[in-house]
């Protein structure tokens, strides 16, 4: 379906993304439901990932998100871009089936530098599964000792590349948490058997769910997010375009769900919203073009020096207006925002919203 673009609709992109990402409007009732809705949530920073879920699930505490990971109701693994994400267990196998080969080719030169050939991967697989199937999930450091003892050296990043290969090919998977680390489990023991659709159907499914959970977004956003070829992405759109709405601005098409698009007529929520989002949150990181929610002149304040480490963000009415940090600990802990230069001071309503968001974050940390 298509809808004509407008200046008003373009201004609403940030707020529509709040709705799609379950930060405004309809909410979900459980941690697994939220993660499945979001399709994938960046999670290389565990504490940030826990709050990324918690901020979207009313009443959820940190213990609820950790429990979902510990029981396998939510999985934290490398489904795409060589980066940890939270995904639903039933999605991981078909996601890997789409993305693993392309990523493997992209790091082939690095494997040559590390003296890793396919027979090394197979040997590491056998060593790892023998140990895990006999004694259960193992820590990363423990697994690396097993690799070393079995003649597969782990120094100089060789260990993490072996582990990544075994996870990417569906033999191992990060499992339950042990503090802030994850134990490594056998994939077939930890992940329930699930059907893997043929490739065209799988790409179309991936694309539809991304636009429903992240829209309005572009095909280039999705292609960057998954690292799938743009030609393949364009072909997949033809299978699901009737289930989406198209908004066009300056010759670029943005796609979103009909439910989110209908709010342009009935009223888009979030006009007075204020959110304290973690670093690496999908609201900022889930798109190759972030200019609709983050002014280009402020990008360096979110990722200082372009070092790849995304800071926590203050989001008001669908726009990133600053960063924030937690100062102190225990009962003396306080959320301290730092608004960008030139940002209008928060009015009374926004101050109340900030206080509520801070209270929600502190409550999450303690439950």
Protein backbone atom coordinates (compact mmCIF):
# COMPACT_ATOMS: atom_id res chain seq x y z
CA UNK A 1 0.00 0.00 0.00
CA UNK A 2 1.14 3.53 -0.66
CA UNK A 3 0.46 6.76 1.15
CA UNK A 4 1.39 10.22 -0.05
CA UNK A 5 4.25 11.86 1.82
CA UNK A 6 3.86 15.14 3.63
CA UNK A 7 5.94 17.54 5.64
CA UNK A 8 3.96 16.56 8.73
CA UNK A 9 4.53 12.83 8.15
CA UNK A 10 8.26 13.40 7.73
CA UNK A 11 8.35 15.27 11.04
CA UNK A 12 6.61 12.30 12.62
CA UNK A 13 9.21 9.68 11.66
CA UNK A 14 10.81 9.64 15.11
CA UNK A 15 7.48 9.30 16.90
CA UNK A 16 6.29 6.62 14.49
CA UNK A 17 9.48 4.69 15.25
CA UNK A 18 8.71 5.01 18.96
CA UNK A 19 5.39 3.31 18.23
CA UNK A 20 6.88 0.60 16.03
CA UNK A 21 9.57 -0.12 18.62
CA UNK A 22 6.98 -0.35 21.42
CA UNK A 23 8.31 2.73 23.20
CA UNK A 24 4.98 4.52 22.73
CA UNK A 25 1.43 3.42 22.03
CA UNK A 26 0.65 -0.29 22.32
CA UNK A 27 2.86 -2.25 24.71
CA UNK A 28 3.72 -5.92 25.09
CA UNK A 29 3.22 -8.02 28.19
CA UNK A 30 6.35 -10.15 28.39
CA UNK A 31 10.06 -10.17 27.67
CA UNK A 32 9.96 -12.99 25.06
CA UNK A 33 7.04 -11.30 23.27
CA UNK A 34 8.95 -8.03 23.07
CA UNK A 35 12.14 -9.61 21.74
CA UNK A 36 10.28 -11.54 19.08
CA UNK A 37 8.40 -8.38 18.06
CA UNK A 38 11.64 -6.43 17.72
CA UNK A 39 13.08 -9.18 15.47
CA UNK A 40 16.63 -8.56 16.76
CA UNK A 41 18.05 -6.17 19.36
CA UNK A 42 21.72 -5.23 19.47
CA UNK A 43 23.24 -6.74 22.58
CA UNK A 44 27.05 -6.66 22.65
CA UNK A 45 26.74 -4.63 25.88
CA UNK A 46 24.77 -6.94 28.17
CA UNK A 47 23.65 -4.31 30.67
CA UNK A 48 22.49 -2.03 27.87
CA UNK A 49 20.60 -4.88 26.23
CA UNK A 50 18.80 -5.76 29.47
CA UNK A 51 17.52 -2.19 29.79
CA UNK A 52 16.67 -1.99 26.07
CA UNK A 53 14.17 -4.76 26.76
CA UNK A 54 13.09 -3.44 30.15
CA UNK A 55 12.26 0.04 28.90
CA UNK A 56 9.83 -1.52 26.41
CA UNK A 57 8.06 -3.98 28.76
CA UNK A 58 5.97 -2.24 31.43
CA UNK A 59 6.75 -3.52 34.91
CA UNK A 60 9.63 -5.76 33.84
CA UNK A 61 12.67 -5.93 36.09
CA UNK A 62 16.24 -6.91 35.32
CA UNK A 63 15.61 -10.32 36.85
CA UNK A 64 12.82 -10.95 34.32
CA UNK A 65 15.10 -10.28 31.35
CA UNK A 66 17.93 -12.34 32.81
CA UNK A 67 15.50 -15.18 33.52
CA UNK A 68 14.32 -15.15 29.90
CA UNK A 69 17.94 -15.57 28.75
CA UNK A 70 18.67 -18.21 31.37
CA UNK A 71 15.70 -20.36 30.34
CA UNK A 72 16.32 -19.97 26.62
CA UNK A 73 13.09 -18.02 26.05
CA UNK A 74 15.36 -15.30 24.65
CA UNK A 75 18.69 -15.98 22.97
CA UNK A 76 21.73 -13.71 22.83
CA UNK A 77 23.87 -14.73 19.89
CA UNK A 78 25.40 -13.53 16.59
CA UNK A 79 22.57 -13.69 14.03
CA UNK A 80 24.01 -10.98 11.75
CA UNK A 81 26.77 -8.39 11.26
CA UNK A 82 29.06 -10.41 13.54
CA UNK A 83 27.42 -8.60 16.46
CA UNK A 84 25.56 -9.99 19.45
CA UNK A 85 21.79 -9.53 19.34
CA UNK A 86 18.82 -10.69 21.36
CA UNK A 87 16.47 -12.83 19.26
CA UNK A 88 13.65 -15.29 19.75
CA UNK A 89 14.99 -18.87 19.84
CA UNK A 90 12.73 -19.92 16.98
CA UNK A 91 14.28 -17.25 14.75
CA UNK A 92 17.98 -17.88 15.22
CA UNK A 93 18.36 -20.91 12.96
CA UNK A 94 16.78 -19.35 9.87
CA UNK A 95 18.53 -16.02 10.46
CA UNK A 96 21.89 -17.77 10.53
CA UNK A 97 20.94 -19.69 7.41
CA UNK A 98 20.55 -16.32 5.66
CA UNK A 99 23.57 -14.47 7.00
CA UNK A 100 26.32 -16.94 7.95
CA UNK A 101 27.83 -17.61 4.52
CA UNK A 102 28.17 -13.93 3.61
CA UNK A 103 29.81 -13.10 6.95
CA UNK A 104 32.14 -16.09 6.64
CA UNK A 105 33.35 -14.77 3.28
CA UNK A 106 33.84 -11.28 4.69
CA UNK A 107 36.24 -12.52 7.39
CA UNK A 108 38.10 -15.08 5.29
CA UNK A 109 41.22 -12.89 5.11
CA UNK A 110 41.28 -12.56 8.88
CA UNK A 111 41.02 -16.33 9.23
CA UNK A 112 44.00 -16.73 6.95
CA UNK A 113 45.94 -14.33 9.18
CA UNK A 114 44.96 -16.44 12.20
CA UNK A 115 45.85 -19.70 10.41
CA UNK A 116 42.30 -21.02 10.62
CA UNK A 117 41.20 -23.45 7.90
CA UNK A 118 37.99 -25.46 7.70
CA UNK A 119 39.57 -28.56 9.25
CA UNK A 120 40.45 -26.44 12.31
CA UNK A 121 36.82 -25.39 12.64
CA UNK A 122 35.69 -29.02 12.43
CA UNK A 123 38.28 -30.07 15.00
CA UNK A 124 37.21 -27.27 17.36
CA UNK A 125 33.58 -28.32 16.89
CA UNK A 126 34.34 -31.90 17.90
CA UNK A 127 36.41 -30.80 20.91
CA UNK A 128 33.73 -28.39 22.10
CA UNK A 129 30.76 -30.73 21.66
CA UNK A 130 32.56 -33.63 23.35
CA UNK A 131 33.12 -31.44 26.41
CA UNK A 132 29.70 -29.72 26.49
CA UNK A 133 27.59 -32.82 25.80
CA UNK A 134 29.42 -34.63 28.59
CA UNK A 135 29.49 -31.89 31.24
CA UNK A 136 27.04 -29.18 30.20
CA UNK A 137 27.51 -25.52 29.22
CA UNK A 138 30.97 -24.07 29.76
CA UNK A 139 32.39 -20.58 30.18
CA UNK A 140 34.22 -18.97 27.30
CA UNK A 141 37.53 -19.06 29.17
CA UNK A 142 36.93 -22.70 30.05
CA UNK A 143 36.17 -23.54 26.43
CA UNK A 144 39.33 -21.80 25.27
CA UNK A 145 41.35 -23.98 27.66
CA UNK A 146 39.70 -27.02 26.10
CA UNK A 147 40.60 -25.72 22.64
CA UNK A 148 44.21 -25.11 23.67
CA UNK A 149 44.51 -28.57 25.20
CA UNK A 150 43.06 -30.10 22.04
CA UNK A 151 45.64 -28.48 19.78
CA UNK A 152 43.61 -25.45 18.67
CA UNK A 153 45.44 -22.34 19.97
CA UNK A 154 43.27 -19.44 21.09
CA UNK A 155 45.76 -16.58 21.39
CA UNK A 156 45.57 -13.42 19.29
CA UNK A 157 41.78 -13.59 18.76
CA UNK A 158 42.01 -17.08 17.29
CA UNK A 159 39.78 -18.43 20.04
CA UNK A 160 36.97 -15.94 19.54
CA UNK A 161 37.04 -16.52 15.79
CA UNK A 162 36.78 -20.27 16.30
CA UNK A 163 33.89 -19.75 18.72
CA UNK A 164 32.19 -17.36 16.30
CA UNK A 165 32.47 -19.88 13.48
CA UNK A 166 30.95 -22.63 15.60
CA UNK A 167 28.05 -20.39 16.63
CA UNK A 168 27.53 -19.06 13.11
CA UNK A 169 27.22 -22.59 11.72
CA UNK A 170 24.75 -23.69 14.37
CA UNK A 171 26.88 -26.02 16.49
CA UNK A 172 27.29 -23.82 19.58
CA UNK A 173 25.28 -20.95 21.06
CA UNK A 174 25.63 -18.67 24.08
CA UNK A 175 23.31 -20.10 26.72
CA UNK A 176 22.59 -19.26 30.37
CA UNK A 177 24.20 -16.34 32.15
CA UNK A 178 26.89 -16.70 34.77
CA UNK A 179 27.05 -13.22 36.25
CA UNK A 180 27.73 -10.91 33.31
CA UNK A 181 29.15 -13.68 31.13
CA UNK A 182 27.37 -16.39 29.20
CA UNK A 183 28.07 -20.08 29.24
CA UNK A 184 28.42 -21.76 25.86
CA UNK A 185 25.88 -24.48 25.11
CA UNK A 186 25.30 -27.00 22.33
CA UNK A 187 23.01 -25.39 19.75
CA UNK A 188 20.73 -28.40 19.28
CA UNK A 189 20.31 -28.79 23.04
CA UNK A 190 19.57 -25.11 23.69
CA UNK A 191 17.57 -24.11 20.61
CA UNK A 192 14.29 -25.93 19.88
CA UNK A 193 14.02 -27.49 16.45
CA UNK A 194 12.33 -25.05 14.08
CA UNK A 195 11.61 -25.07 10.35
CA UNK A 196 13.91 -23.13 8.04
CA UNK A 197 11.98 -21.58 5.13
CA UNK A 198 13.50 -21.36 1.67
CA UNK A 199 15.71 -18.34 1.22
CA UNK A 200 13.33 -16.02 -0.63
CA UNK A 201 10.58 -16.60 1.90
CA UNK A 202 13.00 -16.11 4.79
CA UNK A 203 14.32 -12.78 3.45
CA UNK A 204 10.74 -11.58 2.94
CA UNK A 205 9.84 -12.59 6.49
CA UNK A 206 12.91 -10.83 7.85
CA UNK A 207 12.12 -7.66 5.90
CA UNK A 208 8.43 -7.59 6.89
CA UNK A 209 9.20 -7.99 10.56
CA UNK A 210 11.92 -5.33 10.45
CA UNK A 211 9.61 -2.75 8.90
CA UNK A 212 6.81 -3.59 11.33
CA UNK A 213 9.12 -3.24 14.34
CA UNK A 214 11.41 -0.45 13.08
CA UNK A 215 9.43 1.49 10.48
CA UNK A 216 9.37 4.00 8.96
CA UNK A 217 12.62 2.77 7.43
CA UNK A 218 14.15 2.27 4.01
CA UNK A 219 15.34 -0.76 2.09
CA UNK A 220 18.89 0.50 2.56
CA UNK A 221 18.32 0.61 6.32
CA UNK A 222 17.29 -3.05 6.27
CA UNK A 223 20.09 -4.12 3.94
CA UNK A 224 22.64 -2.44 6.21
CA UNK A 225 21.00 -3.88 9.36
CA UNK A 226 21.18 -7.46 8.07
CA UNK A 227 24.08 -7.11 5.61
CA UNK A 228 21.93 -8.86 3.01
CA UNK A 229 22.46 -7.83 -0.64
CA UNK A 230 20.28 -4.90 -1.66
CA UNK A 231 19.24 -6.66 -4.87
CA UNK A 232 17.92 -9.59 -2.81
CA UNK A 233 16.17 -7.19 -0.43
CA UNK A 234 14.44 -5.40 -3.29
CA UNK A 235 13.19 -8.69 -4.68
CA UNK A 236 11.87 -9.77 -1.27
CA UNK A 237 9.87 -6.55 -0.92
CA UNK A 238 7.67 -7.59 -3.83
CA UNK A 239 6.41 -10.52 -1.74
CA UNK A 240 5.28 -8.40 1.22
CA UNK A 241 4.66 -4.87 -0.06
CA UNK A 242 0.89 -5.35 0.19
CA UNK A 243 1.33 -5.83 3.95
CA UNK A 244 3.16 -2.53 4.37
CA UNK A 245 2.53 1.16 3.77
CA UNK A 246 4.92 3.28 1.72
CA UNK A 247 5.66 6.91 2.54
CA UNK A 248 7.73 8.83 0.01
CA UNK A 249 9.90 11.85 0.81
CA UNK A 250 12.26 13.48 -1.68
CA UNK A 251 12.22 10.39 -3.88
CA UNK A 252 13.00 7.94 -1.05
CA UNK A 253 10.50 5.31 0.06
CA UNK A 254 9.97 4.59 3.75
CA UNK A 255 8.06 1.47 4.79
CA UNK A 256 6.03 0.81 7.94
CA UNK A 257 3.08 -1.21 9.15
CA UNK A 258 -0.49 -0.18 8.27
CA UNK A 259 -1.22 0.07 12.00
CA UNK A 260 1.55 2.63 12.54
CA UNK A 261 0.70 4.53 9.36
CA UNK A 262 -2.95 4.86 10.40
CA UNK A 263 -1.83 6.99 13.34
CA UNK A 264 -1.00 9.79 10.91
CA UNK A 265 -4.77 10.21 10.61
CA UNK A 266 -5.85 9.45 14.17
CA UNK A 267 -2.92 10.94 16.11
CA UNK A 268 0.66 9.78 16.64
CA UNK A 269 1.44 9.30 20.34
CA UNK A 270 4.64 10.41 22.01
CA UNK A 271 4.39 14.19 21.61
CA UNK A 272 5.23 14.68 25.29
CA UNK A 273 7.21 11.50 25.80
CA UNK A 274 10.70 11.33 27.24
CA UNK A 275 12.77 8.15 27.27
CA UNK A 276 16.10 7.25 28.80
CA UNK A 277 17.47 4.73 26.35
CA UNK A 278 20.60 2.63 26.79
CA UNK A 279 23.66 2.83 24.61
CA UNK A 280 23.41 0.76 21.41
CA UNK A 281 19.61 0.97 21.46
CA UNK A 282 17.77 -0.01 18.28
CA UNK A 283 16.04 3.39 18.20
CA UNK A 284 19.39 4.91 17.25
CA UNK A 285 21.40 1.98 15.97
CA UNK A 286 18.76 0.15 13.93
CA UNK A 287 19.18 2.33 10.81
CA UNK A 288 21.99 3.32 8.50
CA UNK A 289 20.47 6.83 8.24
CA UNK A 290 19.86 8.25 11.71
CA UNK A 291 19.30 11.85 10.74
CA UNK A 292 15.53 11.70 11.30
CA UNK A 293 16.06 11.25 15.04
CA UNK A 294 19.61 12.51 15.58
CA UNK A 295 20.95 15.78 14.17
CA UNK A 296 24.22 15.12 12.28
CA UNK A 297 26.05 17.75 14.33
CA UNK A 298 25.31 15.72 17.46
CA UNK A 299 26.48 12.34 16.17
CA UNK A 300 29.95 12.73 17.68
CA UNK A 301 28.36 13.33 21.08
CA UNK A 302 26.64 9.93 20.87
CA UNK A 303 29.68 8.08 19.50
CA UNK A 304 32.67 10.15 20.68
CA UNK A 305 35.51 10.00 18.21
CA UNK A 306 33.63 7.48 16.09
CA UNK A 307 34.89 4.72 18.38
CA UNK A 308 31.81 2.52 17.90
CA UNK A 309 30.68 2.86 21.53
CA UNK A 310 27.21 4.40 21.63
CA UNK A 311 26.30 6.44 24.70
CA UNK A 312 22.97 6.42 26.53
CA UNK A 313 20.48 8.82 24.98
CA UNK A 314 17.71 11.12 26.14
CA UNK A 315 14.87 10.94 23.59
CA UNK A 316 12.12 13.55 23.72
CA UNK A 317 9.14 13.29 21.34
CA UNK A 318 11.08 10.96 19.07
CA UNK A 319 14.26 13.06 18.86
CA UNK A 320 17.62 12.47 20.54
CA UNK A 321 18.20 15.61 22.59
CA UNK A 322 21.07 14.57 24.84
CA UNK A 323 22.88 11.86 26.75
CA UNK A 324 22.59 10.67 30.31
CA UNK A 325 24.57 8.82 32.94
CA UNK A 326 23.97 7.19 36.30
CA UNK A 327 25.85 8.90 39.11
CA UNK A 328 26.32 7.25 42.48
CA UNK A 329 25.06 3.87 43.64
CA UNK A 330 22.49 2.34 45.95
CA UNK A 331 19.98 4.76 47.42
CA UNK A 332 22.15 7.67 46.35
CA UNK A 333 22.05 6.75 42.64
CA UNK A 334 20.69 9.43 40.35
CA UNK A 335 20.13 9.82 36.62
CA UNK A 336 21.94 12.91 35.32
CA UNK A 337 21.00 14.12 31.81
CA UNK A 338 23.24 16.27 29.64
CA UNK A 339 21.25 17.99 26.91
CA UNK A 340 22.90 19.06 23.68
CA UNK A 341 23.92 22.69 23.35
CA UNK A 342 21.08 24.66 21.83
CA UNK A 343 18.39 22.31 23.10
CA UNK A 344 15.55 24.16 24.74
CA UNK A 345 15.37 23.58 28.51
CA UNK A 346 12.90 20.89 29.53
CA UNK A 347 9.53 22.35 30.42
CA UNK A 348 7.50 21.30 33.48
CA UNK A 349 5.81 18.39 31.70
CA UNK A 350 9.14 17.11 30.33
CA UNK A 351 10.73 17.43 33.77
CA UNK A 352 7.97 15.24 35.19
CA UNK A 353 8.46 12.74 32.35
CA UNK A 354 12.22 12.72 33.02
CA UNK A 355 11.65 12.04 36.71
CA UNK A 356 9.32 9.16 35.90
CA UNK A 357 11.76 7.70 33.38
CA UNK A 358 14.58 7.89 35.93
CA UNK A 359 12.45 6.22 38.58
CA UNK A 360 11.53 3.48 36.12
CA UNK A 361 15.21 2.87 35.28
CA UNK A 362 16.24 2.70 38.94
CA UNK A 363 13.34 0.36 39.71
CA UNK A 364 14.38 -1.89 36.85
CA UNK A 365 17.92 -2.12 38.17
CA UNK A 366 16.65 -3.24 41.58
CA UNK A 367 14.05 -5.81 40.52
